[in-house]
Structure formats: structure tokens, C-alpha cells
Amino acid sequence: MKRVTITLDDALMDDLDRFIAARGYQNRSEAVRDLARAGLQQQTEAAPQKRGPCVAAVVYVYDHDARELPKRLNQAFHDHHELSLSTLHVHLDHESCLEVAVMKGQTEEVRHFAEHVIGERHVRYGKIVMVPLDPSGAKHRHGPMAPMHAHLHPH
């Protein structure tokens, strides 16, 4: 193992100490190692897959009073209707709305559109969760009584 020295501001150190106490770590090193592993794993999972079909959940919070933003978001989803499966809209408070958009399509297209939505001015938070689909022509059933057959579609 290598020893590393890091500098953290007081507020971050307080947050880290609360995290350590809540999770029952024996020391700061164990907690920092776990956080580093989790961060590296998250980056690996977030690495863009370039090809193939996917489904994705795009979660974002926005200011619904921001000039024209709800209209722009609505129009963007209409313009990309082929990617959009469903949207959940939640009123969080007097100014904020949370939306979860479920999308399906080619990874590059879904990611590009999701990043566009999250990048809109007055979108306060955004996250994309992408699940790659395996296009397979393997034999399968479409129900317990359906006959086995093969054709291409993502599983």
C-alpha cells in the first residue's frame, strides 16, 4: 500500500467524518478507499458506450418559472419522440419540478439528447442512467404459452 496525503477543507472533512460515523468505518483510510473505489466504478459505468441500443432514465430538476424553459423542454421531447417512452413529472415546490424521462434508442442518440436536456439553462440537477441492451436473435418466447421463435430485438 502507498501512503498519500490529501488536503480537505473543514466542511468536507466534517461531511467525511459524519459519513464515517454513520457507516461505522474503523478509520478514515478505509472510508476514503471505499469512496475512491465507488467513484472509479461510477466513472467506468458512466463511460460512454458508443454503439448499440439502450434504455435510459434521465432524471432532472428544473425551475418551472424560468422563461420558456418548460416550453423548450416539451418541444425538445416532441422533436425526439422516437426516443421517448414515458415521462414522470413531479411538482417539488413552488418553483421546482422533477422529471424522469424514460428513453430507448441508439446509445449515442439517447446520450446526446439527454445531455442536451440536462444542459439547458435553469436545469438545476441532472443524471443519466443508461442500460445497454443486447440485440440478440436467440430463440425465446413472448409469454409462457407462446411458441419458441427467433427474431432480432433487444433483450
N, C-alpha and C. Protein backbone atom coordinates (compact mmCIF):
# COMPACT_ATOMS: atom_id res chain seq x y z
N MET A 1 0.84 -1.19 0.00
CA MET A 1 0.00 0.00 0.00
C MET A 1 0.87 1.23 0.00
N LYS A 2 0.36 2.27 -0.62
CA LYS A 2 1.07 3.55 -0.64
C LYS A 2 0.37 4.52 0.29
N ARG A 3 1.13 5.36 0.93
CA ARG A 3 0.59 6.39 1.81
C ARG A 3 0.46 7.67 0.99
N VAL A 4 -0.70 8.32 1.11
CA VAL A 4 -0.99 9.54 0.36
C VAL A 4 -1.48 10.60 1.33
N THR A 5 -1.06 11.82 1.12
CA THR A 5 -1.53 12.93 1.94
C THR A 5 -2.46 13.78 1.07
N ILE A 6 -3.64 14.10 1.61
CA ILE A 6 -4.57 14.96 0.88
C ILE A 6 -4.99 16.10 1.79
N THR A 7 -5.42 17.19 1.17
CA THR A 7 -5.89 18.35 1.92
C THR A 7 -7.37 18.53 1.63
N LEU A 8 -8.18 18.62 2.69
CA LEU A 8 -9.62 18.82 2.56
C LEU A 8 -10.02 20.04 3.36
N ASP A 9 -10.98 20.80 2.83
CA ASP A 9 -11.45 21.95 3.60
C ASP A 9 -12.27 21.45 4.80
N ASP A 10 -12.51 22.32 5.76
CA ASP A 10 -13.18 21.93 7.01
C ASP A 10 -14.57 21.34 6.77
N ALA A 11 -15.34 21.94 5.89
CA ALA A 11 -16.70 21.47 5.66
C ALA A 11 -16.70 20.06 5.06
N LEU A 12 -15.80 19.80 4.11
CA LEU A 12 -15.71 18.48 3.51
C LEU A 12 -15.23 17.45 4.54
N MET A 13 -14.29 17.86 5.40
CA MET A 13 -13.80 16.95 6.43
C MET A 13 -14.91 16.61 7.41
N ASP A 14 -15.74 17.60 7.76
CA ASP A 14 -16.89 17.34 8.65
C ASP A 14 -17.85 16.35 7.99
N ASP A 15 -18.13 16.54 6.69
CA ASP A 15 -19.01 15.62 5.97
C ASP A 15 -18.42 14.21 5.95
N LEU A 16 -17.12 14.12 5.72
CA LEU A 16 -16.45 12.82 5.70
C LEU A 16 -16.54 12.15 7.07
N ASP A 17 -16.30 12.89 8.13
CA ASP A 17 -16.39 12.32 9.47
C ASP A 17 -17.80 11.85 9.80
N ARG A 18 -18.82 12.57 9.37
CA ARG A 18 -20.20 12.13 9.58
C ARG A 18 -20.48 10.84 8.79
N PHE A 19 -19.97 10.78 7.58
CA PHE A 19 -20.11 9.58 6.75
C PHE A 19 -19.45 8.39 7.44
N ILE A 20 -18.25 8.59 7.96
CA ILE A 20 -17.51 7.52 8.64
C ILE A 20 -18.29 7.02 9.85
N ALA A 21 -18.81 7.94 10.63
CA ALA A 21 -19.57 7.56 11.83
C ALA A 21 -20.86 6.83 11.46
N ALA A 22 -21.56 7.31 10.43
CA ALA A 22 -22.82 6.69 10.03
C ALA A 22 -22.62 5.29 9.49
N ARG A 23 -21.52 5.06 8.81
CA ARG A 23 -21.26 3.75 8.20
C ARG A 23 -20.44 2.82 9.10
N GLY A 24 -19.91 3.36 10.19
CA GLY A 24 -19.16 2.52 11.13
C GLY A 24 -17.76 2.14 10.68
N TYR A 25 -17.12 2.97 9.88
CA TYR A 25 -15.74 2.69 9.48
C TYR A 25 -14.82 2.79 10.70
N GLN A 26 -13.78 1.99 10.68
CA GLN A 26 -12.81 2.00 11.77
C GLN A 26 -11.87 3.20 11.69
N ASN A 27 -11.65 3.68 10.45
CA ASN A 27 -10.75 4.83 10.29
C ASN A 27 -11.04 5.54 8.97
N ARG A 28 -10.43 6.69 8.80
CA ARG A 28 -10.65 7.49 7.60
C ARG A 28 -10.11 6.82 6.35
N SER A 29 -9.01 6.11 6.48
CA SER A 29 -8.41 5.46 5.30
C SER A 29 -9.36 4.47 4.66
N GLU A 30 -10.03 3.66 5.47
CA GLU A 30 -10.98 2.69 4.93
C GLU A 30 -12.11 3.40 4.18
N ALA A 31 -12.61 4.46 4.77
CA ALA A 31 -13.71 5.20 4.14
C ALA A 31 -13.25 5.84 2.83
N VAL A 32 -12.10 6.46 2.82
CA VAL A 32 -11.60 7.12 1.61
C VAL A 32 -11.33 6.08 0.52
N ARG A 33 -10.79 4.91 0.88
CA ARG A 33 -10.57 3.85 -0.11
C ARG A 33 -11.90 3.42 -0.74
N ASP A 34 -12.93 3.22 0.11
CA ASP A 34 -14.24 2.81 -0.42
C ASP A 34 -14.85 3.89 -1.31
N LEU A 35 -14.73 5.14 -0.88
CA LEU A 35 -15.25 6.24 -1.70
C LEU A 35 -14.51 6.35 -3.02
N ALA A 36 -13.19 6.15 -3.00
CA ALA A 36 -12.40 6.20 -4.24
C ALA A 36 -12.81 5.06 -5.17
N ARG A 37 -12.97 3.85 -4.63
CA ARG A 37 -13.42 2.72 -5.45
C ARG A 37 -14.79 3.00 -6.07
N ALA A 38 -15.71 3.51 -5.24
CA ALA A 38 -17.05 3.80 -5.74
C ALA A 38 -17.01 4.86 -6.83
N GLY A 39 -16.20 5.89 -6.65
CA GLY A 39 -16.08 6.93 -7.66
C GLY A 39 -15.49 6.41 -8.95
N LEU A 40 -14.48 5.55 -8.85
CA LEU A 40 -13.88 4.96 -10.06
C LEU A 40 -14.86 4.03 -10.76
N GLN A 41 -15.62 3.25 -9.99
CA GLN A 41 -16.62 2.38 -10.58
C GLN A 41 -17.69 3.20 -11.29
N GLN A 42 -18.12 4.28 -10.65
CA GLN A 42 -19.13 5.15 -11.25
C GLN A 42 -18.62 5.74 -12.56
N GLN A 43 -17.38 6.14 -12.60
CA GLN A 43 -16.81 6.69 -13.84
C GLN A 43 -16.74 5.63 -14.93
N THR A 44 -16.41 4.40 -14.56
CA THR A 44 -16.36 3.31 -15.53
C THR A 44 -17.74 3.04 -16.10
N GLU A 45 -18.75 3.01 -15.22
CA GLU A 45 -20.11 2.76 -15.67
C GLU A 45 -20.63 3.92 -16.52
N ALA A 46 -20.18 5.12 -16.23
CA ALA A 46 -20.64 6.30 -16.96
C ALA A 46 -19.91 6.49 -18.27
N ALA A 47 -18.83 5.73 -18.50
CA ALA A 47 -18.08 5.87 -19.74
C ALA A 47 -19.01 5.60 -20.91
N PRO A 48 -18.99 6.48 -21.87
CA PRO A 48 -19.95 6.33 -22.96
C PRO A 48 -19.73 5.06 -23.77
N GLN A 49 -20.77 4.28 -23.88
CA GLN A 49 -20.79 3.17 -24.80
C GLN A 49 -21.14 3.80 -26.14
N LYS A 50 -20.41 3.51 -27.16
CA LYS A 50 -20.58 4.23 -28.42
C LYS A 50 -21.66 3.65 -29.32
N ARG A 51 -21.90 2.35 -29.25
CA ARG A 51 -22.80 1.73 -30.21
C ARG A 51 -23.84 0.86 -29.52
N GLY A 52 -24.88 0.61 -30.25
CA GLY A 52 -25.88 -0.33 -29.79
C GLY A 52 -27.06 0.33 -29.11
N PRO A 53 -28.10 -0.45 -28.93
CA PRO A 53 -29.32 0.07 -28.32
C PRO A 53 -29.20 0.14 -26.80
N CYS A 54 -30.00 1.01 -26.21
CA CYS A 54 -30.02 1.14 -24.76
C CYS A 54 -31.39 1.63 -24.32
N VAL A 55 -31.64 1.51 -23.04
CA VAL A 55 -32.74 2.22 -22.39
C VAL A 55 -32.07 3.12 -21.37
N ALA A 56 -32.72 4.23 -21.06
CA ALA A 56 -32.12 5.18 -20.13
C ALA A 56 -33.21 5.88 -19.34
N ALA A 57 -32.83 6.25 -18.13
CA ALA A 57 -33.67 7.12 -17.31
C ALA A 57 -32.91 8.43 -17.17
N VAL A 58 -33.53 9.50 -17.53
CA VAL A 58 -32.93 10.82 -17.40
C VAL A 58 -33.71 11.54 -16.30
N VAL A 59 -33.00 11.84 -15.22
CA VAL A 59 -33.62 12.49 -14.07
C VAL A 59 -33.10 13.92 -14.01
N TYR A 60 -34.02 14.87 -13.93
CA TYR A 60 -33.57 16.26 -13.86
C TYR A 60 -34.57 17.09 -13.08
N VAL A 61 -34.03 18.14 -12.44
CA VAL A 61 -34.84 19.09 -11.68
C VAL A 61 -34.64 20.44 -12.35
N TYR A 62 -35.74 21.15 -12.56
CA TYR A 62 -35.63 22.44 -13.23
C TYR A 62 -36.57 23.46 -12.60
N ASP A 63 -36.29 24.71 -12.88
CA ASP A 63 -37.10 25.84 -12.41
C ASP A 63 -38.23 26.05 -13.41
N HIS A 64 -39.45 25.69 -13.01
CA HIS A 64 -40.56 25.78 -13.96
C HIS A 64 -40.98 27.23 -14.23
N ASP A 65 -40.48 28.19 -13.44
CA ASP A 65 -40.77 29.60 -13.70
C ASP A 65 -39.75 30.24 -14.64
N ALA A 66 -38.69 29.51 -14.97
CA ALA A 66 -37.68 30.07 -15.86
C ALA A 66 -38.31 30.32 -17.23
N ARG A 67 -38.01 31.46 -17.77
CA ARG A 67 -38.62 31.90 -19.01
C ARG A 67 -38.49 30.86 -20.12
N GLU A 68 -39.62 30.38 -20.59
CA GLU A 68 -39.71 29.48 -21.74
C GLU A 68 -39.10 28.09 -21.52
N LEU A 69 -38.52 27.80 -20.35
CA LEU A 69 -37.86 26.50 -20.17
C LEU A 69 -38.84 25.34 -20.31
N PRO A 70 -39.97 25.32 -19.60
CA PRO A 70 -40.88 24.18 -19.78
C PRO A 70 -41.31 24.00 -21.24
N LYS A 71 -41.52 25.09 -21.93
CA LYS A 71 -41.92 25.02 -23.34
C LYS A 71 -40.77 24.44 -24.19
N ARG A 72 -39.53 24.88 -23.92
CA ARG A 72 -38.38 24.35 -24.67
C ARG A 72 -38.19 22.86 -24.42
N LEU A 73 -38.31 22.45 -23.15
CA LEU A 73 -38.15 21.03 -22.82
C LEU A 73 -39.24 20.20 -23.50
N ASN A 74 -40.46 20.67 -23.43
CA ASN A 74 -41.57 19.96 -24.06
C ASN A 74 -41.35 19.83 -25.57
N GLN A 75 -40.92 20.91 -26.19
CA GLN A 75 -40.67 20.88 -27.63
C GLN A 75 -39.52 19.93 -27.97
N ALA A 76 -38.48 19.93 -27.14
CA ALA A 76 -37.34 19.04 -27.37
C ALA A 76 -37.79 17.58 -27.35
N PHE A 77 -38.65 17.23 -26.40
CA PHE A 77 -39.13 15.85 -26.34
C PHE A 77 -40.03 15.52 -27.54
N HIS A 78 -40.82 16.48 -27.98
CA HIS A 78 -41.62 16.25 -29.19
C HIS A 78 -40.71 16.05 -30.40
N ASP A 79 -39.65 16.84 -30.48
CA ASP A 79 -38.72 16.72 -31.59
C ASP A 79 -37.97 15.39 -31.59
N HIS A 80 -37.89 14.73 -30.42
CA HIS A 80 -37.20 13.45 -30.30
C HIS A 80 -38.16 12.36 -29.81
N HIS A 81 -39.39 12.41 -30.28
CA HIS A 81 -40.43 11.48 -29.83
C HIS A 81 -40.06 10.03 -30.04
N GLU A 82 -39.21 9.74 -31.03
CA GLU A 82 -38.83 8.36 -31.29
C GLU A 82 -37.95 7.78 -30.18
N LEU A 83 -37.35 8.64 -29.35
CA LEU A 83 -36.53 8.17 -28.24
C LEU A 83 -37.30 8.09 -26.93
N SER A 84 -38.37 8.83 -26.84
CA SER A 84 -39.08 8.99 -25.57
C SER A 84 -40.15 7.93 -25.39
N LEU A 85 -40.08 7.21 -24.25
CA LEU A 85 -41.09 6.21 -23.93
C LEU A 85 -42.13 6.75 -22.96
N SER A 86 -41.65 7.46 -21.92
CA SER A 86 -42.56 7.95 -20.89
C SER A 86 -41.86 9.02 -20.06
N THR A 87 -42.65 9.88 -19.45
CA THR A 87 -42.11 10.91 -18.57
C THR A 87 -42.97 11.01 -17.32
N LEU A 88 -42.30 11.06 -16.18
CA LEU A 88 -42.96 11.29 -14.90
C LEU A 88 -42.64 12.72 -14.49
N HIS A 89 -43.66 13.49 -14.13
CA HIS A 89 -43.49 14.89 -13.75
C HIS A 89 -43.97 15.06 -12.32
N VAL A 90 -43.11 15.64 -11.46
CA VAL A 90 -43.44 15.82 -10.04
C VAL A 90 -43.19 17.28 -9.67
N HIS A 91 -44.17 17.91 -9.03
CA HIS A 91 -44.01 19.27 -8.52
C HIS A 91 -43.36 19.18 -7.14
N LEU A 92 -42.13 19.66 -7.02
CA LEU A 92 -41.39 19.55 -5.76
C LEU A 92 -41.76 20.67 -4.79
N ASP A 93 -41.88 21.88 -5.32
CA ASP A 93 -42.26 23.04 -4.51
C ASP A 93 -42.81 24.09 -5.46
N HIS A 94 -42.89 25.33 -5.02
CA HIS A 94 -43.48 26.38 -5.86
C HIS A 94 -42.67 26.69 -7.11
N GLU A 95 -41.37 26.39 -7.08
CA GLU A 95 -40.53 26.73 -8.23
C GLU A 95 -39.95 25.53 -8.97
N SER A 96 -39.84 24.40 -8.31
CA SER A 96 -39.07 23.28 -8.86
C SER A 96 -39.94 22.11 -9.28
N CYS A 97 -39.57 21.54 -10.42
CA CYS A 97 -40.20 20.32 -10.91
C CYS A 97 -39.10 19.28 -11.14
N LEU A 98 -39.44 18.04 -10.85
CA LEU A 98 -38.56 16.92 -11.13
C LEU A 98 -39.21 16.12 -12.25
N GLU A 99 -38.41 15.73 -13.22
CA GLU A 99 -38.92 14.86 -14.27
C GLU A 99 -37.99 13.66 -14.41
N VAL A 100 -38.60 12.52 -14.68
CA VAL A 100 -37.87 11.30 -15.01
C VAL A 100 -38.36 10.90 -16.39
N ALA A 101 -37.47 10.96 -17.35
CA ALA A 101 -37.82 10.60 -18.73
C ALA A 101 -37.19 9.24 -19.03
N VAL A 102 -38.00 8.31 -19.48
CA VAL A 102 -37.50 7.00 -19.88
C VAL A 102 -37.36 7.02 -21.39
N MET A 103 -36.16 6.67 -21.83
CA MET A 103 -35.86 6.76 -23.25
C MET A 103 -35.33 5.42 -23.76
N LYS A 104 -35.45 5.20 -25.06
CA LYS A 104 -34.94 3.98 -25.68
C LYS A 104 -34.49 4.32 -27.08
N GLY A 105 -33.31 3.83 -27.43
CA GLY A 105 -32.79 4.08 -28.77
C GLY A 105 -31.31 3.75 -28.84
N GLN A 106 -30.67 4.24 -29.87
CA GLN A 106 -29.23 4.03 -30.01
C GLN A 106 -28.50 4.88 -28.97
N THR A 107 -27.49 4.29 -28.37
CA THR A 107 -26.80 4.91 -27.25
C THR A 107 -26.34 6.33 -27.54
N GLU A 108 -25.71 6.54 -28.67
CA GLU A 108 -25.20 7.88 -29.00
C GLU A 108 -26.33 8.91 -29.05
N GLU A 109 -27.45 8.53 -29.66
CA GLU A 109 -28.57 9.46 -29.79
C GLU A 109 -29.21 9.75 -28.44
N VAL A 110 -29.40 8.71 -27.64
CA VAL A 110 -30.01 8.89 -26.32
C VAL A 110 -29.13 9.76 -25.45
N ARG A 111 -27.82 9.46 -25.41
CA ARG A 111 -26.90 10.24 -24.59
C ARG A 111 -26.86 11.70 -25.04
N HIS A 112 -26.78 11.92 -26.34
CA HIS A 112 -26.71 13.29 -26.86
C HIS A 112 -27.96 14.09 -26.46
N PHE A 113 -29.14 13.48 -26.63
CA PHE A 113 -30.36 14.19 -26.28
C PHE A 113 -30.46 14.42 -24.77
N ALA A 114 -30.12 13.40 -23.98
CA ALA A 114 -30.19 13.54 -22.52
C ALA A 114 -29.24 14.64 -22.04
N GLU A 115 -28.05 14.70 -22.59
CA GLU A 115 -27.10 15.75 -22.21
C GLU A 115 -27.61 17.12 -22.61
N HIS A 116 -28.31 17.20 -23.73
CA HIS A 116 -28.92 18.46 -24.16
C HIS A 116 -29.96 18.92 -23.13
N VAL A 117 -30.81 17.99 -22.69
CA VAL A 117 -31.85 18.33 -21.70
C VAL A 117 -31.20 18.81 -20.41
N ILE A 118 -30.24 18.06 -19.92
CA ILE A 118 -29.58 18.41 -18.65
C ILE A 118 -28.81 19.71 -18.78
N GLY A 119 -28.32 20.00 -19.98
CA GLY A 119 -27.53 21.20 -20.20
C GLY A 119 -28.34 22.47 -20.37
N GLU A 120 -29.66 22.35 -20.44
CA GLU A 120 -30.50 23.54 -20.58
C GLU A 120 -30.29 24.48 -19.38
N ARG A 121 -30.30 25.77 -19.68
CA ARG A 121 -30.19 26.76 -18.61
C ARG A 121 -31.39 26.63 -17.66
N HIS A 122 -31.14 26.70 -16.38
CA HIS A 122 -32.13 26.58 -15.30
C HIS A 122 -32.52 25.13 -15.00
N VAL A 123 -31.84 24.16 -15.63
CA VAL A 123 -31.95 22.78 -15.16
C VAL A 123 -30.90 22.69 -14.05
N ARG A 124 -31.37 22.46 -12.83
CA ARG A 124 -30.50 22.56 -11.64
C ARG A 124 -29.75 21.27 -11.34
N TYR A 125 -30.29 20.16 -11.76
CA TYR A 125 -29.67 18.87 -11.46
C TYR A 125 -30.02 17.93 -12.60
N GLY A 126 -29.11 17.06 -12.96
CA GLY A 126 -29.42 16.07 -13.97
C GLY A 126 -28.52 14.86 -13.86
N LYS A 127 -29.09 13.72 -14.16
CA LYS A 127 -28.33 12.47 -14.14
C LYS A 127 -28.92 11.54 -15.18
N ILE A 128 -28.04 10.80 -15.84
CA ILE A 128 -28.45 9.83 -16.85
C ILE A 128 -28.05 8.45 -16.34
N VAL A 129 -28.98 7.53 -16.36
CA VAL A 129 -28.68 6.13 -16.05
C VAL A 129 -28.98 5.35 -17.31
N MET A 130 -27.93 4.80 -17.91
CA MET A 130 -28.09 4.09 -19.17
C MET A 130 -27.89 2.60 -18.96
N VAL A 131 -28.73 1.81 -19.61
CA VAL A 131 -28.65 0.36 -19.54
C VAL A 131 -28.51 -0.15 -20.97
N PRO A 132 -27.35 -0.72 -21.29
CA PRO A 132 -27.18 -1.24 -22.66
C PRO A 132 -28.08 -2.46 -22.87
N LEU A 133 -28.59 -2.58 -24.08
CA LEU A 133 -29.40 -3.73 -24.45
C LEU A 133 -28.60 -4.60 -25.40
N ASP A 134 -28.79 -5.88 -25.27
CA ASP A 134 -28.09 -6.84 -26.11
C ASP A 134 -29.01 -7.26 -27.25
N PRO A 135 -28.76 -6.73 -28.47
CA PRO A 135 -29.62 -7.17 -29.58
C PRO A 135 -29.28 -8.63 -29.89
N SER A 136 -30.26 -9.47 -29.78
CA SER A 136 -29.99 -10.88 -29.93
C SER A 136 -31.05 -11.52 -30.80
N GLY A 137 -30.64 -12.45 -31.59
CA GLY A 137 -31.59 -13.20 -32.39
C GLY A 137 -31.84 -14.58 -31.80
N ALA A 138 -31.51 -14.76 -30.53
CA ALA A 138 -31.68 -16.06 -29.89
C ALA A 138 -33.15 -16.43 -29.82
N LYS A 139 -33.41 -17.75 -29.80
CA LYS A 139 -34.80 -18.21 -29.67
C LYS A 139 -35.31 -17.85 -28.28
N HIS A 140 -36.58 -17.42 -28.26
CA HIS A 140 -37.19 -17.01 -27.00
C HIS A 140 -38.70 -17.06 -27.13
N ARG A 141 -39.39 -16.86 -26.02
CA ARG A 141 -40.85 -16.83 -26.01
C ARG A 141 -41.31 -15.43 -25.66
N HIS A 142 -42.50 -15.08 -26.10
CA HIS A 142 -43.12 -13.82 -25.73
C HIS A 142 -44.23 -14.03 -24.72
N GLY A 143 -44.18 -15.11 -24.02
CA GLY A 143 -45.16 -15.45 -22.99
C GLY A 143 -45.02 -16.92 -22.66
N PRO A 144 -45.59 -17.35 -21.53
CA PRO A 144 -45.39 -18.73 -21.10
C PRO A 144 -45.96 -19.77 -22.07
N MET A 145 -46.97 -19.41 -22.81
CA MET A 145 -47.60 -20.37 -23.73
C MET A 145 -47.20 -20.13 -25.18
N ALA A 146 -46.44 -19.10 -25.44
CA ALA A 146 -46.07 -18.76 -26.82
C ALA A 146 -45.03 -19.74 -27.34
N PRO A 147 -45.04 -20.01 -28.64
CA PRO A 147 -44.03 -20.91 -29.21
C PRO A 147 -42.66 -20.24 -29.24
N MET A 148 -41.62 -21.05 -29.22
CA MET A 148 -40.25 -20.54 -29.34
C MET A 148 -40.04 -20.06 -30.77
N HIS A 149 -39.39 -18.92 -30.91
CA HIS A 149 -39.06 -18.40 -32.23
C HIS A 149 -37.88 -17.45 -32.10
N ALA A 150 -37.26 -17.15 -33.21
CA ALA A 150 -36.10 -16.25 -33.21
C ALA A 150 -36.39 -15.07 -34.11
N HIS A 151 -36.07 -13.88 -33.62
CA HIS A 151 -36.06 -12.67 -34.42
C HIS A 151 -35.27 -11.62 -33.64
N LEU A 152 -34.83 -10.60 -34.32
CA LEU A 152 -33.97 -9.60 -33.70
C LEU A 152 -34.78 -8.56 -32.94
N HIS A 153 -34.46 -8.37 -31.69
CA HIS A 153 -34.89 -7.23 -30.91
C HIS A 153 -34.10 -7.25 -29.61
N PRO A 154 -33.91 -6.09 -29.01
CA PRO A 154 -33.08 -6.02 -27.81
C PRO A 154 -33.68 -6.76 -26.63
N HIS A 155 -32.81 -7.42 -25.86
CA HIS A 155 -33.21 -8.12 -24.63
C HIS A 155 -32.54 -7.46 -23.46
